[in-house]
Amino acid sequence: LARQVGILCGAGLHPFTYQPMAKVRTLSVDLENPDRIIRRTSTGIAERAMGMARTREIDAYLLTKPSGMDLLKAADRSILEQALDEVRPALLVIGPLYKAFLDPGGRTSESIAIEVAKYLDTLRAVYGCALWIEHHAPLGTSMTNRDLRPFGSAVWSRWPEFGISLQPDPTAVGDYVYDVRHFRGARDERQWPTKMKRGTT
């Protein structure tokens, strides 16, 4: 979903309605998936988006770091900032968050999360970009009763402007249909879908 949001915004298509909109330059930083898989799936999305948007160019860029990054360290911050300097995106798509930093030990999860969140806030201010961040929820006994707040520090539940989770719709047997829920109150008004279905397009 995050990949589709990045590519469609760069193609000038609304990522949920597929209606035309002004192109939004995006940088997607994938911290989990192997490069070959990302490029293959991204190519399929991009080809379809170009056909729908009737454009030959997509203003979307990709940085893959399947081994993750440690945004507590200057070296990895430099890698990310170099990409931001080169692309100058209006939207930074990054995740999953648990692979964006490493616990150095000797600190609370709260203090680590605050440092990472402050750094991401600094990126927003310096580069003038919005953030779309993927994070994971704690494991549960089943998908229907799973707590879909971000796992780890409570900072990740309090910090974002919008906290959105996807939970399988128990009434949609056999289909990949998800309820779009909010694990925190929104700080602004936006139009979000109430349901999503995994499709073939």
N, C-alpha and C. Protein backbone atom coordinates (compact mmCIF):
# COMPACT_ATOMS: atom_id res chain seq x y z
N LEU A 1 0.83 -1.20 0.00
CA LEU A 1 0.00 0.00 0.00
C LEU A 1 0.87 1.25 0.00
N ALA A 2 1.91 1.26 0.85
CA ALA A 2 2.79 2.43 0.91
C ALA A 2 3.47 2.66 -0.44
N ARG A 3 3.89 1.57 -1.07
CA ARG A 3 4.53 1.66 -2.38
C ARG A 3 3.56 2.25 -3.41
N GLN A 4 2.31 1.80 -3.36
CA GLN A 4 1.31 2.30 -4.30
C GLN A 4 1.04 3.78 -4.07
N VAL A 5 0.98 4.20 -2.81
CA VAL A 5 0.78 5.61 -2.49
C VAL A 5 1.91 6.45 -3.09
N GLY A 6 3.16 6.01 -2.88
CA GLY A 6 4.29 6.76 -3.40
C GLY A 6 4.28 6.88 -4.91
N ILE A 7 4.00 5.77 -5.59
CA ILE A 7 4.05 5.76 -7.06
C ILE A 7 2.87 6.54 -7.65
N LEU A 8 1.68 6.32 -7.14
CA LEU A 8 0.52 7.00 -7.71
C LEU A 8 0.56 8.51 -7.48
N CYS A 9 1.00 8.94 -6.30
CA CYS A 9 1.14 10.38 -6.07
C CYS A 9 2.13 10.97 -7.08
N GLY A 10 3.22 10.24 -7.35
CA GLY A 10 4.20 10.71 -8.31
C GLY A 10 3.69 10.71 -9.74
N ALA A 11 2.66 9.92 -10.01
CA ALA A 11 2.07 9.87 -11.35
C ALA A 11 0.94 10.88 -11.53
N GLY A 12 0.54 11.53 -10.44
CA GLY A 12 -0.58 12.46 -10.53
C GLY A 12 -1.93 11.79 -10.43
N LEU A 13 -1.98 10.68 -9.68
CA LEU A 13 -3.24 9.97 -9.45
C LEU A 13 -3.49 9.90 -7.94
N HIS A 14 -4.71 10.17 -7.54
CA HIS A 14 -5.06 10.02 -6.13
C HIS A 14 -4.92 8.53 -5.78
N PRO A 15 -4.18 8.20 -4.72
CA PRO A 15 -3.88 6.79 -4.45
C PRO A 15 -5.06 5.94 -4.02
N PHE A 16 -6.19 6.55 -3.65
CA PHE A 16 -7.35 5.78 -3.24
C PHE A 16 -8.49 5.86 -4.25
N THR A 17 -8.66 7.01 -4.90
CA THR A 17 -9.77 7.16 -5.85
C THR A 17 -9.33 7.01 -7.30
N TYR A 18 -8.02 7.09 -7.55
CA TYR A 18 -7.43 7.04 -8.90
C TYR A 18 -7.83 8.23 -9.77
N GLN A 19 -8.38 9.28 -9.16
CA GLN A 19 -8.73 10.48 -9.91
C GLN A 19 -7.47 11.32 -10.15
N PRO A 20 -7.44 12.08 -11.27
CA PRO A 20 -6.27 12.91 -11.55
C PRO A 20 -6.06 13.97 -10.47
N MET A 21 -4.81 14.25 -10.15
CA MET A 21 -4.45 15.31 -9.22
C MET A 21 -3.07 15.82 -9.62
N ALA A 22 -2.64 16.91 -9.03
CA ALA A 22 -1.30 17.42 -9.31
C ALA A 22 -0.26 16.39 -8.84
N LYS A 23 0.80 16.21 -9.62
CA LYS A 23 1.84 15.28 -9.24
C LYS A 23 2.51 15.72 -7.94
N VAL A 24 2.83 14.75 -7.10
CA VAL A 24 3.53 14.98 -5.85
C VAL A 24 4.84 14.19 -5.91
N ARG A 25 5.97 14.87 -5.85
CA ARG A 25 7.25 14.16 -5.89
C ARG A 25 7.43 13.36 -4.60
N THR A 26 7.75 12.08 -4.75
CA THR A 26 7.86 11.20 -3.59
C THR A 26 9.20 10.48 -3.56
N LEU A 27 9.64 10.18 -2.35
CA LEU A 27 10.80 9.32 -2.12
C LEU A 27 10.34 8.20 -1.20
N SER A 28 10.44 6.96 -1.67
CA SER A 28 10.08 5.80 -0.86
C SER A 28 11.36 5.12 -0.38
N VAL A 29 11.47 4.96 0.93
CA VAL A 29 12.63 4.31 1.53
C VAL A 29 12.15 3.00 2.13
N ASP A 30 12.45 1.90 1.46
CA ASP A 30 12.01 0.58 1.91
C ASP A 30 13.13 -0.05 2.73
N LEU A 31 12.84 -0.34 3.99
CA LEU A 31 13.85 -0.84 4.91
C LEU A 31 13.72 -2.33 5.17
N GLU A 32 12.95 -3.03 4.35
CA GLU A 32 12.66 -4.43 4.68
C GLU A 32 12.81 -5.39 3.50
N ASN A 33 12.32 -5.00 2.34
CA ASN A 33 12.20 -5.95 1.23
C ASN A 33 13.42 -5.93 0.32
N PRO A 34 13.79 -7.09 -0.24
CA PRO A 34 14.93 -7.15 -1.16
C PRO A 34 14.71 -6.28 -2.39
N ASP A 35 15.79 -5.73 -2.90
CA ASP A 35 15.73 -4.80 -4.02
C ASP A 35 15.00 -5.38 -5.23
N ARG A 36 15.29 -6.63 -5.57
CA ARG A 36 14.70 -7.22 -6.78
C ARG A 36 13.18 -7.33 -6.66
N ILE A 37 12.68 -7.63 -5.46
CA ILE A 37 11.23 -7.74 -5.26
C ILE A 37 10.58 -6.36 -5.35
N ILE A 38 11.22 -5.37 -4.72
CA ILE A 38 10.67 -4.02 -4.74
C ILE A 38 10.60 -3.50 -6.16
N ARG A 39 11.67 -3.68 -6.91
CA ARG A 39 11.70 -3.13 -8.28
C ARG A 39 10.70 -3.85 -9.18
N ARG A 40 10.53 -5.16 -8.99
CA ARG A 40 9.58 -5.89 -9.82
C ARG A 40 8.15 -5.44 -9.53
N THR A 41 7.79 -5.39 -8.26
CA THR A 41 6.42 -4.99 -7.93
C THR A 41 6.18 -3.51 -8.23
N SER A 42 7.20 -2.69 -8.02
CA SER A 42 7.05 -1.26 -8.31
C SER A 42 6.86 -1.02 -9.80
N THR A 43 7.56 -1.80 -10.62
CA THR A 43 7.43 -1.65 -12.07
C THR A 43 6.00 -1.94 -12.51
N GLY A 44 5.40 -2.98 -11.94
CA GLY A 44 4.02 -3.30 -12.29
C GLY A 44 3.06 -2.19 -11.91
N ILE A 45 3.23 -1.64 -10.72
CA ILE A 45 2.38 -0.53 -10.29
C ILE A 45 2.60 0.68 -11.17
N ALA A 46 3.88 0.98 -11.48
CA ALA A 46 4.21 2.16 -12.28
C ALA A 46 3.65 2.07 -13.69
N GLU A 47 3.75 0.89 -14.30
CA GLU A 47 3.23 0.73 -15.66
C GLU A 47 1.73 0.96 -15.70
N ARG A 48 1.02 0.41 -14.72
CA ARG A 48 -0.43 0.59 -14.66
C ARG A 48 -0.78 2.05 -14.39
N ALA A 49 -0.02 2.69 -13.50
CA ALA A 49 -0.28 4.10 -13.16
C ALA A 49 -0.05 5.00 -14.37
N MET A 50 1.01 4.73 -15.13
CA MET A 50 1.27 5.56 -16.31
C MET A 50 0.15 5.45 -17.33
N GLY A 51 -0.41 4.24 -17.46
CA GLY A 51 -1.53 4.06 -18.37
C GLY A 51 -2.77 4.80 -17.90
N MET A 52 -3.05 4.74 -16.60
CA MET A 52 -4.23 5.41 -16.06
C MET A 52 -4.07 6.92 -16.09
N ALA A 53 -2.85 7.41 -15.83
CA ALA A 53 -2.62 8.85 -15.77
C ALA A 53 -2.27 9.44 -17.13
N ARG A 54 -2.04 8.56 -18.11
CA ARG A 54 -1.64 9.00 -19.45
C ARG A 54 -0.40 9.88 -19.38
N THR A 55 0.59 9.36 -18.71
CA THR A 55 1.85 10.07 -18.58
C THR A 55 2.99 9.08 -18.82
N ARG A 56 4.12 9.60 -19.26
CA ARG A 56 5.29 8.76 -19.50
C ARG A 56 6.32 8.92 -18.38
N GLU A 57 6.05 9.83 -17.45
CA GLU A 57 7.01 10.07 -16.37
C GLU A 57 6.29 10.07 -15.02
N ILE A 58 6.93 9.45 -14.07
CA ILE A 58 6.42 9.41 -12.71
C ILE A 58 7.47 10.05 -11.81
N ASP A 59 7.04 10.98 -10.99
CA ASP A 59 7.95 11.73 -10.12
C ASP A 59 8.09 11.02 -8.78
N ALA A 60 8.50 9.75 -8.85
CA ALA A 60 8.63 8.92 -7.65
C ALA A 60 10.01 8.25 -7.65
N TYR A 61 10.66 8.29 -6.51
CA TYR A 61 12.02 7.77 -6.39
C TYR A 61 12.06 6.73 -5.28
N LEU A 62 13.05 5.83 -5.37
CA LEU A 62 13.11 4.68 -4.48
C LEU A 62 14.52 4.52 -3.93
N LEU A 63 14.59 4.28 -2.63
CA LEU A 63 15.83 3.90 -1.96
C LEU A 63 15.55 2.63 -1.18
N THR A 64 16.29 1.57 -1.47
CA THR A 64 16.08 0.31 -0.76
C THR A 64 17.25 0.04 0.18
N LYS A 65 16.90 -0.31 1.39
CA LYS A 65 17.87 -0.69 2.43
C LYS A 65 17.29 -1.90 3.16
N PRO A 66 17.30 -3.08 2.53
CA PRO A 66 16.62 -4.23 3.14
C PRO A 66 17.18 -4.65 4.48
N SER A 67 18.42 -4.26 4.79
CA SER A 67 18.98 -4.58 6.11
C SER A 67 18.59 -3.53 7.15
N GLY A 68 17.85 -2.50 6.73
CA GLY A 68 17.40 -1.46 7.64
C GLY A 68 18.40 -0.32 7.77
N MET A 69 18.06 0.66 8.58
CA MET A 69 18.92 1.79 8.88
C MET A 69 18.89 2.02 10.39
N ASP A 70 19.83 2.79 10.87
CA ASP A 70 19.82 3.18 12.27
C ASP A 70 19.86 4.69 12.34
N LEU A 71 18.68 5.30 12.45
CA LEU A 71 18.58 6.76 12.44
C LEU A 71 19.05 7.39 13.74
N LEU A 72 19.58 6.57 14.64
CA LEU A 72 20.26 7.11 15.82
C LEU A 72 21.73 7.41 15.49
N LYS A 73 22.20 6.93 14.34
CA LYS A 73 23.60 7.09 13.97
C LYS A 73 23.76 8.09 12.84
N ALA A 74 24.82 8.89 12.94
CA ALA A 74 25.08 9.95 11.97
C ALA A 74 25.28 9.40 10.56
N ALA A 75 25.93 8.24 10.43
CA ALA A 75 26.23 7.69 9.11
C ALA A 75 24.95 7.35 8.34
N ASP A 76 23.98 6.74 9.02
CA ASP A 76 22.73 6.39 8.35
C ASP A 76 21.85 7.61 8.13
N ARG A 77 21.90 8.57 9.03
CA ARG A 77 21.19 9.83 8.80
C ARG A 77 21.73 10.51 7.55
N SER A 78 23.03 10.44 7.36
CA SER A 78 23.65 11.07 6.20
C SER A 78 23.17 10.43 4.90
N ILE A 79 23.01 9.10 4.90
CA ILE A 79 22.50 8.40 3.71
C ILE A 79 21.10 8.89 3.36
N LEU A 80 20.24 8.97 4.38
CA LEU A 80 18.88 9.42 4.15
C LEU A 80 18.84 10.88 3.71
N GLU A 81 19.62 11.72 4.35
CA GLU A 81 19.63 13.15 4.01
C GLU A 81 20.20 13.39 2.62
N GLN A 82 21.17 12.58 2.20
CA GLN A 82 21.69 12.71 0.84
C GLN A 82 20.59 12.42 -0.19
N ALA A 83 19.81 11.37 0.08
CA ALA A 83 18.70 11.05 -0.83
C ALA A 83 17.66 12.16 -0.84
N LEU A 84 17.38 12.74 0.32
CA LEU A 84 16.43 13.84 0.41
C LEU A 84 16.96 15.08 -0.32
N ASP A 85 18.25 15.35 -0.19
CA ASP A 85 18.86 16.47 -0.90
C ASP A 85 18.74 16.31 -2.41
N GLU A 86 18.95 15.08 -2.89
CA GLU A 86 18.91 14.82 -4.34
C GLU A 86 17.49 14.86 -4.89
N VAL A 87 16.55 14.30 -4.15
CA VAL A 87 15.18 14.18 -4.66
C VAL A 87 14.33 15.39 -4.32
N ARG A 88 14.47 15.93 -3.11
CA ARG A 88 13.62 17.02 -2.62
C ARG A 88 12.14 16.65 -2.73
N PRO A 89 11.73 15.56 -2.06
CA PRO A 89 10.35 15.11 -2.19
C PRO A 89 9.38 15.97 -1.38
N ALA A 90 8.13 15.96 -1.82
CA ALA A 90 7.05 16.55 -1.03
C ALA A 90 6.47 15.52 -0.07
N LEU A 91 6.73 14.23 -0.37
CA LEU A 91 6.25 13.13 0.47
C LEU A 91 7.36 12.12 0.64
N LEU A 92 7.72 11.82 1.88
CA LEU A 92 8.68 10.77 2.21
C LEU A 92 7.91 9.58 2.75
N VAL A 93 8.00 8.45 2.05
CA VAL A 93 7.37 7.20 2.47
C VAL A 93 8.48 6.31 3.02
N ILE A 94 8.39 5.90 4.27
CA ILE A 94 9.48 5.13 4.87
C ILE A 94 8.93 4.07 5.81
N GLY A 95 9.63 2.95 5.86
CA GLY A 95 9.23 1.92 6.81
C GLY A 95 9.75 0.55 6.41
N PRO A 96 9.52 -0.42 7.28
CA PRO A 96 8.80 -0.29 8.54
C PRO A 96 9.66 0.39 9.61
N LEU A 97 9.01 1.06 10.53
CA LEU A 97 9.70 1.88 11.51
C LEU A 97 10.63 1.08 12.41
N TYR A 98 10.25 -0.17 12.69
CA TYR A 98 11.09 -0.96 13.60
C TYR A 98 12.46 -1.26 13.01
N LYS A 99 12.62 -1.09 11.68
CA LYS A 99 13.92 -1.29 11.05
C LYS A 99 14.61 0.04 10.74
N ALA A 100 14.12 1.12 11.34
CA ALA A 100 14.72 2.44 11.13
C ALA A 100 15.69 2.82 12.24
N PHE A 101 15.75 2.02 13.30
CA PHE A 101 16.69 2.32 14.38
C PHE A 101 16.95 1.05 15.18
N LEU A 102 18.08 1.04 15.89
CA LEU A 102 18.46 -0.09 16.73
C LEU A 102 18.56 0.37 18.17
N ASP A 103 18.09 -0.45 19.08
CA ASP A 103 18.20 -0.15 20.50
C ASP A 103 19.66 -0.30 20.93
N PRO A 104 20.30 0.80 21.33
CA PRO A 104 21.72 0.72 21.70
C PRO A 104 21.94 0.12 23.08
N GLY A 105 20.89 -0.09 23.83
CA GLY A 105 21.01 -0.60 25.20
C GLY A 105 21.30 0.53 26.17
N GLY A 106 20.86 0.36 27.39
CA GLY A 106 21.12 1.35 28.41
C GLY A 106 20.18 2.54 28.39
N ARG A 107 19.18 2.51 27.52
CA ARG A 107 18.21 3.60 27.43
C ARG A 107 16.81 3.04 27.44
N THR A 108 15.84 3.86 27.80
CA THR A 108 14.45 3.42 27.75
C THR A 108 13.95 3.49 26.32
N SER A 109 12.95 2.68 26.02
CA SER A 109 12.36 2.72 24.67
C SER A 109 11.73 4.09 24.41
N GLU A 110 11.25 4.73 25.47
CA GLU A 110 10.65 6.07 25.34
C GLU A 110 11.68 7.09 24.87
N SER A 111 12.86 7.09 25.48
CA SER A 111 13.87 8.08 25.10
C SER A 111 14.38 7.84 23.69
N ILE A 112 14.50 6.57 23.29
CA ILE A 112 14.93 6.25 21.93
C ILE A 112 13.89 6.72 20.92
N ALA A 113 12.61 6.41 21.19
CA ALA A 113 11.54 6.81 20.28
C ALA A 113 11.44 8.33 20.16
N ILE A 114 11.61 9.03 21.28
CA ILE A 114 11.56 10.50 21.24
C ILE A 114 12.67 11.05 20.36
N GLU A 115 13.88 10.48 20.46
CA GLU A 115 14.99 10.95 19.63
C GLU A 115 14.71 10.73 18.15
N VAL A 116 14.21 9.55 17.80
CA VAL A 116 13.91 9.25 16.40
C VAL A 116 12.78 10.14 15.89
N ALA A 117 11.73 10.31 16.70
CA ALA A 117 10.60 11.16 16.30
C ALA A 117 11.05 12.60 16.10
N LYS A 118 11.91 13.10 16.99
CA LYS A 118 12.42 14.48 16.83
C LYS A 118 13.23 14.61 15.56
N TYR A 119 14.02 13.58 15.25
CA TYR A 119 14.80 13.62 14.00
C TYR A 119 13.88 13.65 12.79
N LEU A 120 12.85 12.81 12.79
CA LEU A 120 11.90 12.81 11.67
C LEU A 120 11.17 14.15 11.57
N ASP A 121 10.84 14.75 12.71
CA ASP A 121 10.23 16.09 12.70
C ASP A 121 11.19 17.11 12.09
N THR A 122 12.48 16.98 12.38
CA THR A 122 13.48 17.88 11.80
C THR A 122 13.51 17.73 10.28
N LEU A 123 13.44 16.50 9.80
CA LEU A 123 13.41 16.27 8.35
C LEU A 123 12.20 16.95 7.72
N ARG A 124 11.05 16.83 8.38
CA ARG A 124 9.84 17.49 7.87
C ARG A 124 10.05 18.99 7.76
N ALA A 125 10.66 19.58 8.78
CA ALA A 125 10.85 21.03 8.80
C ALA A 125 11.89 21.47 7.77
N VAL A 126 13.00 20.75 7.69
CA VAL A 126 14.11 21.15 6.81
C VAL A 126 13.74 20.96 5.35
N TYR A 127 13.11 19.82 5.03
CA TYR A 127 12.83 19.49 3.63
C TYR A 127 11.41 19.84 3.22
N GLY A 128 10.58 20.24 4.16
CA GLY A 128 9.21 20.63 3.83
C GLY A 128 8.39 19.49 3.26
N CYS A 129 8.61 18.28 3.77
CA CYS A 129 7.90 17.12 3.23
C CYS A 129 6.95 16.53 4.26
N ALA A 130 5.94 15.85 3.77
CA ALA A 130 5.07 15.07 4.63
C ALA A 130 5.66 13.68 4.79
N LEU A 131 5.24 12.97 5.82
CA LEU A 131 5.73 11.62 6.08
C LEU A 131 4.59 10.61 6.05
N TRP A 132 4.84 9.50 5.39
CA TRP A 132 3.96 8.33 5.45
C TRP A 132 4.83 7.23 6.02
N ILE A 133 4.55 6.78 7.24
CA ILE A 133 5.42 5.83 7.92
C ILE A 133 4.66 4.53 8.17
N GLU A 134 5.27 3.43 7.76
CA GLU A 134 4.71 2.11 8.06
C GLU A 134 5.29 1.63 9.38
N HIS A 135 4.44 1.10 10.23
CA HIS A 135 4.90 0.48 11.47
C HIS A 135 4.05 -0.76 11.68
N HIS A 136 4.51 -1.63 12.54
CA HIS A 136 3.80 -2.87 12.79
C HIS A 136 3.12 -2.85 14.15
N ALA A 137 2.11 -3.68 14.28
CA ALA A 137 1.38 -3.82 15.55
C ALA A 137 1.91 -5.03 16.30
N PRO A 138 1.68 -5.08 17.61
CA PRO A 138 2.12 -6.26 18.38
C PRO A 138 1.42 -7.52 17.88
N LEU A 139 2.08 -8.66 18.05
CA LEU A 139 1.44 -9.92 17.70
C LEU A 139 0.29 -10.18 18.65
N GLY A 140 -0.79 -10.74 18.12
CA GLY A 140 -1.96 -11.05 18.94
C GLY A 140 -2.34 -12.50 18.79
N THR A 141 -3.35 -12.91 19.53
CA THR A 141 -3.80 -14.30 19.46
C THR A 141 -4.58 -14.56 18.18
N SER A 142 -5.18 -13.51 17.61
CA SER A 142 -5.86 -13.64 16.32
C SER A 142 -5.95 -12.25 15.70
N MET A 143 -6.23 -12.22 14.39
CA MET A 143 -6.30 -10.93 13.70
C MET A 143 -7.53 -10.14 14.12
N THR A 144 -8.57 -10.82 14.61
CA THR A 144 -9.80 -10.09 14.93
C THR A 144 -9.74 -9.39 16.28
N ASN A 145 -8.89 -9.89 17.21
CA ASN A 145 -8.82 -9.23 18.52
C ASN A 145 -7.45 -8.60 18.75
N ARG A 146 -6.70 -8.40 17.69
CA ARG A 146 -5.34 -7.89 17.80
C ARG A 146 -5.36 -6.39 18.11
N ASP A 147 -4.49 -5.96 19.04
CA ASP A 147 -4.33 -4.54 19.34
C ASP A 147 -3.52 -3.91 18.21
N LEU A 148 -4.13 -3.00 17.46
CA LEU A 148 -3.47 -2.46 16.28
C LEU A 148 -2.87 -1.09 16.52
N ARG A 149 -2.49 -0.81 17.76
CA ARG A 149 -1.64 0.35 18.01
C ARG A 149 -0.20 -0.04 17.66
N PRO A 150 0.66 0.94 17.33
CA PRO A 150 2.05 0.60 17.01
C PRO A 150 2.74 -0.06 18.21
N PHE A 151 3.54 -1.10 17.93
CA PHE A 151 4.23 -1.73 19.05
C PHE A 151 5.45 -0.90 19.45
N GLY A 152 5.92 -1.16 20.65
CA GLY A 152 7.06 -0.40 21.16
C GLY A 152 6.57 0.75 22.03
N SER A 153 7.33 1.82 22.02
CA SER A 153 7.02 2.98 22.86
C SER A 153 5.67 3.59 22.53
N ALA A 154 5.00 4.12 23.56
CA ALA A 154 3.73 4.82 23.37
C ALA A 154 3.91 6.11 22.55
N VAL A 155 5.14 6.55 22.37
CA VAL A 155 5.41 7.73 21.53
C VAL A 155 4.80 7.54 20.15
N TRP A 156 4.90 6.32 19.62
CA TRP A 156 4.42 6.07 18.25
C TRP A 156 2.90 6.11 18.16
N SER A 157 2.21 6.00 19.27
CA SER A 157 0.76 6.17 19.27
C SER A 157 0.37 7.64 19.41
N ARG A 158 1.19 8.42 20.10
CA ARG A 158 0.87 9.83 20.36
C ARG A 158 1.37 10.78 19.27
N TRP A 159 2.46 10.45 18.62
CA TRP A 159 3.19 11.39 17.79
C TRP A 159 2.53 11.74 16.45
N PRO A 160 2.00 10.78 15.69
CA PRO A 160 1.54 11.12 14.33
C PRO A 160 0.27 11.97 14.30
N GLU A 161 0.13 12.73 13.21
CA GLU A 161 -1.11 13.50 13.02
C GLU A 161 -2.30 12.57 12.76
N PHE A 162 -2.01 11.47 12.05
CA PHE A 162 -3.05 10.48 11.75
C PHE A 162 -2.48 9.11 12.08
N GLY A 163 -3.22 8.33 12.85
CA GLY A 163 -2.80 6.99 13.20
C GLY A 163 -3.80 6.00 12.65
N ILE A 164 -3.40 5.32 11.59
CA ILE A 164 -4.36 4.48 10.86
C ILE A 164 -3.92 3.03 10.90
N SER A 165 -4.88 2.13 11.09
CA SER A 165 -4.59 0.70 11.08
C SER A 165 -5.52 -0.01 10.11
N LEU A 166 -5.04 -1.13 9.60
CA LEU A 166 -5.85 -1.97 8.72
C LEU A 166 -6.13 -3.27 9.46
N GLN A 167 -7.42 -3.62 9.55
CA GLN A 167 -7.81 -4.85 10.23
C GLN A 167 -8.73 -5.64 9.32
N PRO A 168 -8.49 -6.95 9.16
CA PRO A 168 -9.35 -7.76 8.29
C PRO A 168 -10.82 -7.64 8.67
N ASP A 169 -11.66 -7.49 7.66
CA ASP A 169 -13.10 -7.43 7.88
C ASP A 169 -13.61 -8.86 8.09
N PRO A 170 -14.09 -9.16 9.30
CA PRO A 170 -14.50 -10.55 9.58
C PRO A 170 -15.72 -10.99 8.79
N THR A 171 -16.46 -10.05 8.21
CA THR A 171 -17.66 -10.42 7.45
C THR A 171 -17.34 -10.74 6.00
N ALA A 172 -16.12 -10.42 5.55
CA ALA A 172 -15.76 -10.63 4.14
C ALA A 172 -14.99 -11.95 4.02
N VAL A 173 -15.71 -13.05 4.02
CA VAL A 173 -15.10 -14.37 3.99
C VAL A 173 -14.48 -14.62 2.62
N GLY A 174 -13.20 -15.00 2.64
CA GLY A 174 -12.54 -15.35 1.38
C GLY A 174 -11.97 -14.19 0.61
N ASP A 175 -12.25 -12.96 1.02
CA ASP A 175 -11.73 -11.79 0.33
C ASP A 175 -10.74 -11.06 1.23
N TYR A 176 -9.76 -10.41 0.60
CA TYR A 176 -8.82 -9.59 1.36
C TYR A 176 -9.42 -8.19 1.53
N VAL A 177 -10.39 -8.08 2.44
CA VAL A 177 -11.04 -6.81 2.71
C VAL A 177 -10.64 -6.35 4.11
N TYR A 178 -10.29 -5.08 4.22
CA TYR A 178 -9.80 -4.56 5.49
C TYR A 178 -10.63 -3.35 5.92
N ASP A 179 -10.89 -3.28 7.22
CA ASP A 179 -11.47 -2.09 7.82
C ASP A 179 -10.34 -1.10 8.06
N VAL A 180 -10.56 0.16 7.67
CA VAL A 180 -9.59 1.22 7.91
C VAL A 180 -10.00 1.89 9.21
N ARG A 181 -9.17 1.73 10.23
CA ARG A 181 -9.50 2.25 11.56
C ARG A 181 -8.45 3.25 12.01
N HIS A 182 -8.77 3.98 13.05
CA HIS A 182 -7.87 5.01 13.57
C HIS A 182 -7.54 4.69 15.02
N PHE A 183 -6.23 4.50 15.30
CA PHE A 183 -5.85 4.17 16.67
C PHE A 183 -5.61 5.42 17.52
N ARG A 184 -5.73 6.58 16.93
CA ARG A 184 -5.67 7.84 17.68
C ARG A 184 -6.56 8.86 16.96
N GLY A 185 -6.98 9.89 17.68
CA GLY A 185 -7.80 10.93 17.07
C GLY A 185 -6.98 11.75 16.09
N ALA A 186 -7.55 12.07 14.95
CA ALA A 186 -6.86 12.84 13.92
C ALA A 186 -6.71 14.29 14.35
N ARG A 187 -5.58 14.90 14.02
CA ARG A 187 -5.33 16.29 14.36
C ARG A 187 -5.82 17.25 13.29
N ASP A 188 -6.28 16.72 12.19
CA ASP A 188 -6.80 17.55 11.10
C ASP A 188 -7.84 16.73 10.36
N GLU A 189 -8.50 17.35 9.39
CA GLU A 189 -9.51 16.63 8.63
C GLU A 189 -8.93 16.19 7.30
N ARG A 190 -9.10 14.91 6.99
CA ARG A 190 -8.72 14.34 5.71
C ARG A 190 -9.77 13.31 5.33
N GLN A 191 -9.82 13.01 4.05
CA GLN A 191 -10.74 11.98 3.58
C GLN A 191 -9.99 10.66 3.48
N TRP A 192 -10.30 9.73 4.39
CA TRP A 192 -9.70 8.41 4.35
C TRP A 192 -10.77 7.39 3.96
N PRO A 193 -10.39 6.33 3.26
CA PRO A 193 -11.35 5.26 2.99
C PRO A 193 -11.79 4.64 4.32
N THR A 194 -12.94 4.00 4.31
CA THR A 194 -13.38 3.24 5.48
C THR A 194 -13.09 1.76 5.32
N LYS A 195 -12.91 1.31 4.08
CA LYS A 195 -12.54 -0.07 3.79
C LYS A 195 -11.58 -0.10 2.60
N MET A 196 -10.74 -1.13 2.58
CA MET A 196 -9.87 -1.36 1.43
C MET A 196 -9.95 -2.84 1.07
N LYS A 197 -9.81 -3.11 -0.23
CA LYS A 197 -9.78 -4.50 -0.70
C LYS A 197 -8.53 -4.68 -1.55
N ARG A 198 -7.79 -5.74 -1.24
CA ARG A 198 -6.62 -6.05 -2.05
C ARG A 198 -7.09 -6.44 -3.45
N GLY A 199 -6.57 -5.77 -4.45
CA GLY A 199 -7.01 -6.02 -5.81
C GLY A 199 -5.90 -6.57 -6.67
N THR A 200 -6.20 -6.74 -7.95
CA THR A 200 -5.20 -7.23 -8.90
C THR A 200 -4.61 -6.11 -9.73
N THR A 201 -5.18 -4.90 -9.63
CA THR A 201 -4.68 -3.75 -10.38
C THR A 201 -3.58 -3.08 -9.57
